[in-house]
């Protein structure tokens, strides 16, 4: 998944680890994990990529 704003490490790409009322996201650049409310993820998502 690509977000509109980059993480401080410089990466825009995140892996979705958990979906529910909150999303658990993992930065593809540095590996940092965060919990973000669903509303913010839906608002800030630029594009989705299917995992192969």
N, C-alpha and C. Protein backbone atom coordinates (compact mmCIF):
# COMPACT_ATOMS: atom_id res chain seq x y z
N UNK A 1 0.85 -1.16 0.00
CA UNK A 1 0.00 0.00 0.00
C UNK A 1 0.90 1.22 0.00
N UNK A 2 0.49 2.24 -0.70
CA UNK A 2 1.25 3.48 -0.77
C UNK A 2 0.41 4.59 -0.13
N UNK A 3 1.01 5.32 0.80
CA UNK A 3 0.34 6.44 1.45
C UNK A 3 0.77 7.76 0.80
N UNK A 4 -0.02 8.80 1.02
CA UNK A 4 0.26 10.10 0.43
C UNK A 4 1.53 10.73 0.99
N UNK A 5 1.72 10.65 2.30
CA UNK A 5 2.90 11.25 2.93
C UNK A 5 3.92 10.17 3.28
N UNK A 6 5.20 10.46 3.11
CA UNK A 6 6.21 9.45 3.44
C UNK A 6 6.46 9.34 4.94
N UNK A 7 6.93 8.20 5.36
CA UNK A 7 7.39 7.96 6.72
C UNK A 7 8.70 8.74 6.90
N UNK A 8 9.09 9.12 8.09
CA UNK A 8 10.35 9.87 8.28
C UNK A 8 11.59 9.17 7.69
N UNK A 9 11.55 7.84 7.52
CA UNK A 9 12.69 7.14 6.92
C UNK A 9 12.76 7.37 5.41
N UNK A 10 11.67 7.91 4.81
CA UNK A 10 11.66 8.22 3.38
C UNK A 10 10.80 7.30 2.54
N UNK A 11 10.30 6.22 3.11
CA UNK A 11 9.50 5.26 2.35
C UNK A 11 8.02 5.62 2.39
N UNK A 12 7.32 5.45 1.26
CA UNK A 12 5.88 5.67 1.17
C UNK A 12 5.11 4.36 1.25
N UNK A 13 5.81 3.22 1.21
CA UNK A 13 5.16 1.92 1.10
C UNK A 13 5.02 1.23 2.44
N UNK A 14 3.84 0.67 2.67
CA UNK A 14 3.50 0.00 3.93
C UNK A 14 2.88 -1.35 3.64
N UNK A 15 3.08 -2.30 4.54
CA UNK A 15 2.44 -3.61 4.47
C UNK A 15 1.32 -3.63 5.51
N UNK A 16 0.15 -4.13 5.13
CA UNK A 16 -0.98 -4.23 6.05
C UNK A 16 -0.86 -5.56 6.79
N UNK A 17 -0.75 -5.50 8.12
CA UNK A 17 -0.63 -6.71 8.92
C UNK A 17 -1.95 -7.10 9.58
N UNK A 18 -2.81 -6.12 9.88
CA UNK A 18 -4.07 -6.39 10.57
C UNK A 18 -5.12 -5.39 10.11
N UNK A 19 -6.35 -5.86 9.91
CA UNK A 19 -7.45 -5.00 9.49
C UNK A 19 -8.58 -5.15 10.49
N UNK A 20 -9.21 -4.04 10.82
CA UNK A 20 -10.34 -4.02 11.75
C UNK A 20 -10.73 -2.56 11.94
N UNK A 21 -11.10 -2.18 13.15
CA UNK A 21 -11.38 -0.78 13.45
C UNK A 21 -10.09 0.03 13.32
N UNK A 22 -8.96 -0.64 13.62
CA UNK A 22 -7.63 -0.06 13.44
C UNK A 22 -6.86 -0.93 12.46
N UNK A 23 -5.89 -0.33 11.79
CA UNK A 23 -5.00 -1.07 10.90
C UNK A 23 -3.64 -1.13 11.56
N UNK A 24 -2.97 -2.28 11.49
CA UNK A 24 -1.57 -2.37 11.90
C UNK A 24 -0.77 -2.34 10.60
N UNK A 25 0.10 -1.34 10.47
CA UNK A 25 0.90 -1.16 9.27
C UNK A 25 2.38 -1.32 9.60
N UNK A 26 3.13 -1.88 8.64
CA UNK A 26 4.57 -2.04 8.80
C UNK A 26 5.26 -1.30 7.66
N UNK A 27 6.17 -0.38 8.01
CA UNK A 27 6.90 0.39 7.00
C UNK A 27 7.83 -0.55 6.24
N UNK A 28 7.80 -0.47 4.92
CA UNK A 28 8.65 -1.32 4.09
C UNK A 28 10.09 -0.82 4.06
N UNK A 29 10.32 0.42 4.48
CA UNK A 29 11.67 0.97 4.49
C UNK A 29 12.45 0.57 5.72
N UNK A 30 11.90 0.83 6.92
CA UNK A 30 12.65 0.62 8.16
C UNK A 30 12.06 -0.49 9.04
N UNK A 31 10.84 -0.98 8.75
CA UNK A 31 10.25 -2.05 9.53
C UNK A 31 9.46 -1.59 10.74
N UNK A 32 9.30 -0.28 10.92
CA UNK A 32 8.55 0.26 12.05
C UNK A 32 7.07 -0.10 11.91
N UNK A 33 6.43 -0.52 13.02
CA UNK A 33 5.01 -0.89 13.00
C UNK A 33 4.19 0.13 13.76
N UNK A 34 3.04 0.49 13.21
CA UNK A 34 2.14 1.45 13.85
C UNK A 34 0.70 0.97 13.75
N UNK A 35 -0.13 1.40 14.71
CA UNK A 35 -1.57 1.16 14.67
C UNK A 35 -2.22 2.49 14.28
N UNK A 36 -3.05 2.47 13.25
CA UNK A 36 -3.69 3.67 12.75
C UNK A 36 -5.19 3.42 12.63
N UNK A 37 -6.03 4.37 13.05
CA UNK A 37 -7.48 4.20 12.89
C UNK A 37 -7.87 4.03 11.42
N UNK A 38 -8.89 3.22 11.17
CA UNK A 38 -9.35 2.93 9.81
C UNK A 38 -9.65 4.21 9.03
N UNK A 39 -10.27 5.18 9.67
CA UNK A 39 -10.66 6.42 8.99
C UNK A 39 -9.43 7.14 8.41
N UNK A 40 -8.33 7.19 9.16
CA UNK A 40 -7.12 7.85 8.67
C UNK A 40 -6.47 7.08 7.53
N UNK A 41 -6.47 5.75 7.62
CA UNK A 41 -5.88 4.95 6.55
C UNK A 41 -6.66 5.13 5.25
N UNK A 42 -7.99 5.08 5.34
CA UNK A 42 -8.82 5.25 4.14
C UNK A 42 -8.62 6.63 3.53
N UNK A 43 -8.43 7.64 4.36
CA UNK A 43 -8.26 9.01 3.88
C UNK A 43 -6.89 9.21 3.22
N UNK A 44 -5.84 8.59 3.77
CA UNK A 44 -4.47 8.86 3.33
C UNK A 44 -3.89 7.85 2.36
N UNK A 45 -4.67 6.84 1.95
CA UNK A 45 -4.17 5.84 1.02
C UNK A 45 -4.16 6.39 -0.39
N UNK A 46 -3.01 6.21 -1.07
CA UNK A 46 -2.88 6.67 -2.45
C UNK A 46 -3.16 5.53 -3.43
N UNK A 47 -2.60 4.34 -3.17
CA UNK A 47 -2.86 3.19 -4.03
C UNK A 47 -2.63 1.89 -3.26
N UNK A 48 -3.32 0.84 -3.69
CA UNK A 48 -3.17 -0.48 -3.10
C UNK A 48 -2.50 -1.40 -4.10
N UNK A 49 -1.65 -2.28 -3.60
CA UNK A 49 -1.00 -3.27 -4.45
C UNK A 49 -1.29 -4.64 -3.85
N UNK A 50 -1.69 -5.59 -4.68
CA UNK A 50 -1.97 -6.92 -4.20
C UNK A 50 -0.67 -7.66 -3.92
N UNK A 51 -0.67 -8.41 -2.81
CA UNK A 51 0.51 -9.20 -2.47
C UNK A 51 0.55 -10.45 -3.34
N UNK A 52 1.69 -10.74 -3.88
CA UNK A 52 1.84 -11.89 -4.79
C UNK A 52 2.19 -13.13 -4.01
